[in-house]
Protein backbone atom coordinates (compact mmCIF):
# COMPACT_ATOMS: atom_id res chain seq x y z
CA UNK A 1 14.56 -6.87 -13.41
CA UNK A 2 15.39 -10.35 -12.15
CA UNK A 3 13.91 -9.65 -8.71
CA UNK A 4 10.32 -8.19 -10.20
CA UNK A 5 8.05 -9.34 -7.06
CA UNK A 6 10.89 -10.32 -4.53
CA UNK A 7 9.55 -9.47 -1.28
CA UNK A 8 10.99 -8.96 1.80
CA UNK A 9 9.47 -10.30 5.62
CA UNK A 10 9.96 -6.73 6.62
CA UNK A 11 6.99 -4.26 7.38
CA UNK A 12 9.14 -1.28 6.51
CA UNK A 13 12.59 0.27 6.90
CA UNK A 14 13.84 0.50 10.28
CA UNK A 15 14.89 3.43 11.81
CA UNK A 16 18.62 3.36 13.86
CA UNK A 17 16.72 3.81 17.07
CA UNK A 18 14.58 0.74 16.61
CA UNK A 19 17.47 -1.32 15.83
CA UNK A 20 19.29 -3.69 17.65
CA UNK A 21 23.31 -2.87 18.10
CA UNK A 22 24.13 -5.41 16.04
CA UNK A 23 21.69 -4.51 13.29
CA UNK A 24 22.90 -1.17 13.33
CA UNK A 25 26.50 -2.13 12.97
CA UNK A 26 25.43 -4.24 10.22
CA UNK A 27 23.88 -0.87 8.61
CA UNK A 28 26.63 1.17 9.15
CA UNK A 29 28.87 -1.44 7.02
CA UNK A 30 26.41 -1.03 4.27
CA UNK A 31 26.53 2.71 4.68
CA UNK A 32 30.09 2.68 4.41
CA UNK A 33 29.76 0.34 1.03
CA UNK A 34 31.55 -2.31 2.60
CA UNK A 35 30.93 -6.00 1.06
CA UNK A 36 29.17 -8.64 3.46
CA UNK A 37 30.63 -12.01 3.34
CA UNK A 38 28.73 -15.51 3.66
CA UNK A 39 30.38 -16.29 7.23
CA UNK A 40 29.49 -12.96 8.36
CA UNK A 41 26.72 -11.89 10.44
CA UNK A 42 23.53 -10.53 8.38
CA UNK A 43 19.92 -9.80 9.54
CA UNK A 44 17.58 -13.06 8.77
CA UNK A 45 15.16 -10.87 6.31
CA UNK A 46 18.69 -9.70 4.52
CA UNK A 47 19.44 -13.30 3.61
CA UNK A 48 15.95 -14.24 2.96
CA UNK A 49 15.65 -11.27 0.70
CA UNK A 50 19.03 -12.45 -0.75
CA UNK A 51 18.04 -15.87 -1.36
CA UNK A 52 14.94 -15.04 -3.24
CA UNK A 53 16.51 -12.08 -5.28
CA UNK A 54 19.49 -14.23 -6.44
CA UNK A 55 17.82 -17.75 -7.13
CA UNK A 56 15.09 -15.72 -8.99
CA UNK A 57 17.90 -14.25 -10.86
CA UNK A 58 19.53 -17.56 -11.56
CA UNK A 59 16.50 -19.29 -12.60
CA UNK A 60 15.57 -16.13 -14.87
CA UNK A 61 18.96 -16.86 -16.76
CA UNK A 62 18.22 -20.44 -17.03
CA UNK A 63 14.65 -20.78 -18.16
CA UNK A 64 15.99 -17.52 -20.46
CA UNK A 65 17.94 -20.14 -22.58
CA UNK A 66 14.91 -21.52 -23.83
CA UNK A 67 13.43 -18.79 -26.40
CA UNK A 68 16.64 -18.73 -27.92
CA UNK A 69 17.74 -22.39 -27.60
CA UNK A 70 14.82 -23.16 -29.94
CA UNK A 71 16.17 -21.26 -33.02
CA UNK A 72 19.77 -22.34 -32.75
CA UNK A 73 19.07 -25.01 -35.74
CA UNK A 74 17.14 -22.84 -37.67
CA UNK A 75 19.57 -19.21 -37.74
CA UNK A 76 19.78 -18.29 -41.23
CA UNK A 77 23.83 -18.97 -41.43
CA UNK A 78 26.39 -21.27 -39.79
CA UNK A 79 27.92 -17.86 -37.90
CA UNK A 80 24.66 -17.02 -36.62
CA UNK A 81 24.31 -20.47 -35.16
CA UNK A 82 27.21 -20.51 -33.95
CA UNK A 83 27.15 -17.05 -32.04
CA UNK A 84 23.53 -18.17 -30.76
CA UNK A 85 24.84 -21.62 -29.69
CA UNK A 86 27.73 -19.21 -27.68
CA UNK A 87 25.34 -16.94 -26.31
CA UNK A 88 22.88 -19.68 -25.06
CA UNK A 89 25.74 -21.30 -23.35
CA UNK A 90 26.94 -17.97 -21.71
CA UNK A 91 23.32 -18.04 -19.74
CA UNK A 92 23.86 -21.39 -18.67
CA UNK A 93 27.12 -20.38 -17.06
CA UNK A 94 25.50 -17.04 -15.77
CA UNK A 95 22.69 -19.46 -13.72
CA UNK A 96 25.60 -21.77 -12.60
CA UNK A 97 27.78 -18.59 -11.32
CA UNK A 98 24.30 -17.19 -9.67
CA UNK A 99 23.30 -20.32 -7.85
CA UNK A 100 26.61 -20.53 -6.63
CA UNK A 101 26.22 -17.44 -5.14
CA UNK A 102 23.10 -18.36 -3.18
CA UNK A 103 24.56 -21.49 -1.87
CA UNK A 104 26.54 -19.44 -0.02
CA UNK A 105 23.72 -18.15 1.93
CA UNK A 106 22.58 -21.50 3.04
CA UNK A 107 20.09 -22.75 0.73
CA UNK A 108 20.95 -25.99 -1.54
CA UNK A 109 20.88 -25.92 -5.42
CA UNK A 110 17.88 -28.69 -5.21
CA UNK A 111 16.16 -26.78 -2.86
CA UNK A 112 16.09 -24.13 -5.25
CA UNK A 113 15.41 -26.31 -7.93
CA UNK A 114 12.43 -27.48 -6.38
CA UNK A 115 11.05 -24.23 -5.61
CA UNK A 116 11.29 -23.52 -9.48
CA UNK A 117 9.66 -26.48 -10.40
CA UNK A 118 7.05 -26.09 -7.98
CA UNK A 119 5.78 -22.77 -9.34
CA UNK A 120 6.71 -21.23 -5.72
CA UNK A 121 9.89 -19.24 -7.05
CA UNK A 122 9.52 -17.24 -9.78
CA UNK A 123 11.75 -15.99 -12.97
CA UNK A 124 11.44 -12.97 -15.38
CA UNK A 125 8.12 -12.66 -17.23
CA UNK A 126 9.73 -11.68 -20.29
CA UNK A 127 10.82 -15.22 -20.83
CA UNK A 128 6.91 -16.54 -21.04
CA UNK A 129 6.76 -14.78 -24.61
CA UNK A 130 7.29 -16.81 -27.88
CA UNK A 131 9.91 -16.31 -30.15
CA UNK A 132 8.17 -16.51 -33.31
CA UNK A 133 10.36 -15.54 -36.07
CA UNK A 134 14.31 -14.75 -36.18
CA UNK A 135 14.02 -10.66 -35.82
CA UNK A 136 12.31 -11.92 -32.43
CA UNK A 137 16.00 -13.28 -31.18
CA UNK A 138 17.39 -9.62 -32.63
CA UNK A 139 14.26 -8.04 -30.16
CA UNK A 140 15.49 -10.58 -27.50
CA UNK A 141 19.12 -9.29 -27.47
CA UNK A 142 18.77 -5.90 -28.02
CA UNK A 143 15.88 -4.98 -25.66
CA UNK A 144 15.84 -8.02 -23.08
CA UNK A 145 19.42 -7.88 -22.88
CA UNK A 146 19.59 -4.13 -23.03
CA UNK A 147 17.42 -3.83 -20.05
CA UNK A 148 19.13 -6.85 -18.31
CA UNK A 149 22.40 -4.64 -18.44
CA UNK A 150 20.58 -1.55 -17.09
CA UNK A 151 19.68 -3.59 -13.93
CA UNK A 152 22.91 -5.77 -13.98
CA UNK A 153 25.64 -2.84 -14.34
CA UNK A 154 24.44 -1.39 -10.56
CA UNK A 155 24.13 -4.36 -9.21
CA UNK A 156 28.36 -5.22 -9.48
CA UNK A 157 28.01 -2.51 -6.61
CA UNK A 158 25.35 -4.59 -4.41
CA UNK A 159 26.23 -5.12 -0.85
CA UNK A 160 26.48 -8.79 -0.85
CA UNK A 161 30.29 -9.96 -1.90
CA UNK A 162 29.44 -12.75 -4.08
CA UNK A 163 26.46 -11.43 -5.87
CA UNK A 164 28.74 -8.10 -6.88
CA UNK A 165 31.46 -10.46 -7.83
CA UNK A 166 29.42 -12.81 -10.09
CA UNK A 167 27.98 -9.37 -11.64
CA UNK A 168 31.20 -8.56 -12.83
CA UNK A 169 31.33 -11.21 -15.63
CA UNK A 170 27.46 -11.32 -16.34
CA UNK A 171 27.51 -7.73 -17.27
CA UNK A 172 30.75 -8.24 -19.29
CA UNK A 173 28.92 -10.90 -21.48
CA UNK A 174 25.21 -9.45 -21.59
CA UNK A 175 27.30 -6.54 -23.11
CA UNK A 176 28.15 -8.63 -25.85
CA UNK A 177 24.72 -10.18 -26.50
CA UNK A 178 23.08 -6.85 -26.59
CA UNK A 179 25.34 -6.04 -29.19
CA UNK A 180 24.53 -9.51 -31.17
CA UNK A 181 21.09 -8.56 -30.89
CA UNK A 182 21.16 -4.93 -32.22
CA UNK A 183 23.14 -6.48 -34.90
CA UNK A 184 20.44 -8.82 -36.08
CA UNK A 185 17.78 -6.00 -35.66
CA UNK A 186 20.44 -3.52 -38.09
CA UNK A 187 20.71 -6.39 -40.58
CA UNK A 188 16.91 -7.32 -40.67
CA UNK A 189 15.90 -3.39 -40.61
CA UNK A 190 18.28 -2.62 -43.66
CA UNK A 191 17.06 -5.44 -45.44
CA UNK A 192 14.18 -6.02 -47.32
CA UNK A 193 10.96 -4.44 -47.10
CA UNK A 194 9.68 -7.98 -45.59
CA UNK A 195 12.18 -8.28 -43.45
CA UNK A 196 12.16 -4.45 -41.89
CA UNK A 197 8.28 -5.30 -41.36
CA UNK A 198 9.66 -8.80 -39.70
CA UNK A 199 11.94 -6.55 -37.37
CA UNK A 200 9.27 -3.77 -36.55
CA UNK A 201 6.67 -6.90 -35.41
CA UNK A 202 9.43 -8.11 -32.86
CA UNK A 203 9.79 -4.68 -31.60
CA UNK A 204 5.92 -3.87 -31.49
CA UNK A 205 5.53 -7.51 -29.57
CA UNK A 206 8.77 -7.32 -27.09
CA UNK A 207 8.45 -3.27 -26.26
CA UNK A 208 5.65 -3.75 -23.50
CA UNK A 209 7.12 -6.83 -22.00
CA UNK A 210 10.27 -5.22 -21.79
CA UNK A 211 9.15 -2.40 -19.92
CA UNK A 212 7.47 -5.04 -17.51
CA UNK A 213 10.87 -6.14 -16.40
CA UNK A 214 11.87 -3.86 -14.12
CA UNK A 215 9.00 -4.87 -12.29
CA UNK A 216 5.89 -2.80 -10.56
CA UNK A 217 5.99 1.02 -10.48
CA UNK A 218 7.29 2.49 -7.62
CA UNK A 219 4.11 3.51 -5.85
CA UNK A 220 2.91 -0.25 -6.09
CA UNK A 221 6.61 -1.73 -5.04
CA UNK A 222 6.25 -1.71 -1.39
CA UNK A 223 9.50 -4.09 -0.90
CA UNK A 224 12.29 -2.01 -2.57
CA UNK A 225 12.60 0.59 0.07
CA UNK A 226 13.94 -2.37 2.32
CA UNK A 227 16.06 -3.81 -0.39
CA UNK A 228 17.48 -0.53 -1.25
CA UNK A 229 18.91 0.45 2.30
CA UNK A 230 20.36 -2.64 2.46
CA UNK A 231 21.72 -2.10 -0.71
CA UNK A 232 20.70 -5.35 -2.05
CA UNK A 233 18.79 -3.25 -5.09
CA UNK A 234 20.54 0.16 -6.24
CA UNK A 235 18.01 2.06 -7.85
CA UNK A 236 13.96 2.01 -8.17
CA UNK A 237 11.88 0.22 -10.76
CA UNK A 238 11.16 3.46 -12.47
CA UNK A 239 14.32 4.73 -12.59
CA UNK A 240 15.72 1.80 -14.66
CA UNK A 241 12.63 2.19 -16.51
CA UNK A 242 13.01 5.43 -17.58
CA UNK A 243 16.75 4.84 -18.30
CA UNK A 244 15.93 2.15 -20.72
CA UNK A 245 13.68 4.19 -22.57
CA UNK A 246 15.62 7.27 -22.97
CA UNK A 247 18.60 4.84 -24.13
CA UNK A 248 16.49 2.67 -26.61
CA UNK A 249 14.43 5.30 -28.25
CA UNK A 250 17.06 6.70 -30.00
CA UNK A 251 18.45 3.35 -30.95
CA UNK A 252 14.93 2.57 -32.74
CA UNK A 253 15.12 5.69 -34.59
CA UNK A 254 18.71 5.16 -35.61
CA UNK A 255 17.24 1.69 -37.06
CA UNK A 256 14.52 3.40 -38.46
CA UNK A 257 11.92 1.81 -36.76
CA UNK A 258 8.74 3.37 -34.44
CA UNK A 259 8.40 2.31 -30.78
CA UNK A 260 4.78 1.22 -30.49
CA UNK A 261 3.51 3.83 -27.99
CA UNK A 262 1.52 7.06 -29.55
CA UNK A 263 1.99 9.18 -26.12
CA UNK A 264 6.14 8.96 -26.37
CA UNK A 265 7.16 12.48 -26.36
CA UNK A 266 10.45 14.06 -24.73
CA UNK A 267 10.13 16.01 -21.85
CA UNK A 268 12.47 18.74 -22.07
CA UNK A 269 11.70 19.59 -18.44
CA UNK A 270 13.09 15.98 -17.03
CA UNK A 271 15.39 15.37 -19.81
CA UNK A 272 13.81 12.17 -20.68
CA UNK A 273 10.99 10.66 -22.65
CA UNK A 274 7.09 10.55 -21.23
CA UNK A 275 5.72 7.31 -22.08
CA UNK A 276 2.98 4.67 -21.30
CA UNK A 277 3.15 2.04 -18.54
CA UNK A 278 2.78 -1.24 -20.05
CA UNK A 279 -0.18 -3.47 -19.23
CA UNK A 280 -0.18 -4.15 -15.82
CA UNK A 281 -2.95 -6.49 -15.88
CA UNK A 282 -0.80 -8.60 -18.19
CA UNK A 283 2.18 -8.33 -16.27
CA UNK A 284 0.23 -9.70 -13.28
CA UNK A 285 -1.19 -12.56 -15.38
CA UNK A 286 2.35 -13.62 -16.66
CA UNK A 287 3.62 -13.87 -13.40
CA UNK A 288 1.00 -15.65 -11.79
CA UNK A 289 1.51 -18.41 -14.49
CA UNK A 290 -1.04 -17.31 -17.30
CA UNK A 291 0.85 -16.00 -19.99
CA UNK A 292 1.55 -17.69 -23.39
CA UNK A 293 4.34 -19.93 -22.73
CA UNK A 294 4.35 -20.72 -19.13
CA UNK A 295 3.18 -24.28 -18.84
CA UNK A 296 5.65 -24.72 -21.76
CA UNK A 297 8.98 -22.92 -20.09
CA UNK A 298 8.35 -24.58 -16.57
CA UNK A 299 7.39 -27.94 -18.36
CA UNK A 300 10.89 -27.97 -20.22
CA UNK A 301 12.68 -27.65 -17.13
CA UNK A 302 11.11 -30.21 -15.19
CA UNK A 303 11.21 -32.46 -17.92
CA UNK A 304 14.98 -31.80 -18.37
CA UNK A 305 15.44 -32.27 -14.47
CA UNK A 306 13.58 -35.66 -14.50
CA UNK A 307 15.66 -36.77 -17.96
CA UNK A 308 18.74 -35.98 -16.31
CA UNK A 309 18.27 -37.70 -12.89
CA UNK A 310 20.24 -40.95 -13.98
CA UNK A 311 23.22 -38.62 -14.66
CA UNK A 312 23.37 -36.90 -11.51
CA UNK A 313 22.69 -40.22 -9.86
CA UNK A 314 26.05 -41.39 -11.65
CA UNK A 315 28.04 -38.79 -10.50
CA UNK A 316 27.21 -39.27 -7.28
CA UNK A 317 27.69 -43.03 -6.99
CA UNK A 318 31.44 -42.08 -8.80
CA UNK A 319 32.04 -39.68 -6.42
CA UNK A 320 31.17 -41.79 -3.37
CA UNK A 321 33.29 -44.49 -4.96
CA UNK A 322 36.14 -42.49 -5.69
CA UNK A 323 35.99 -40.97 -1.99
CA UNK A 324 36.07 -44.30 -0.65
CA UNK A 325 38.89 -45.20 -2.44
CA UNK A 326 40.81 -42.31 -1.34
CA UNK A 327 39.76 -43.48 2.43
CA UNK A 328 41.06 -46.88 2.02
CA UNK A 329 44.22 -45.48 0.67
CA UNK A 330 44.83 -43.18 3.60
């Protein structure tokens, strides 16, 4: 989900015969489900792919605060404000865990931020859509965090140790976020007629973008095979998308809401739902920077970074001062 368009530098999955002795030994460890740790040898493309995926995941957590953050002061009750504030704080923590995991691969946080702010690095396309009503906050928790959990639970078994361990805590917290969103949608759907219409409208607008979160269809996801061979990625895009639909449709029915897909139908043979593909032209346009809120989201991050420069410089000066005092005392 947070690796919608992560590309490897590999042209395909190497056979054992084409691997060097070191590469074959590394792949054997992967196949035995051993965790790879930061100071151990790894192929350059494995390292680069991990950096791209983990940093994109981290950027998504940080930018993902923005659609919900502007509703903290407008939440309908004090309790809802406190819950939303805690959730946004959790997302910041998730980003920090992931930046730390990426740093173990030899990239600095400043470099990752520069890649984000310059537009070189991507983040999940879903966060370039506006949250127009309070029901949208429910839809984000229910659908967006639900899709996140679908992707992230398998990542607890990913081959890179720091990434897998970070995902354990993140998944626990995301499960609360999903429940919070579903609870908002349930209150809205069971409320007044106007509230139910608001909930349906939020579902209508977030359904397609939520399906896009898993990335392009498998036939167009040319880099997934290598990532799966390395167990950086645990499932294909289409597998996760199907699982998400199968889980979410009954939830919508329970809420009394209608999934905005006229083709949706239960397929007895595959024991899952048939459903329409999202608008892939829209998906690529949003990733290219032409979504409803791309400029707003990236602009907010750049402004926050620039406005915080004085504070970072102060922390660095204080750290140097303490180091000098400790050196003199020694």
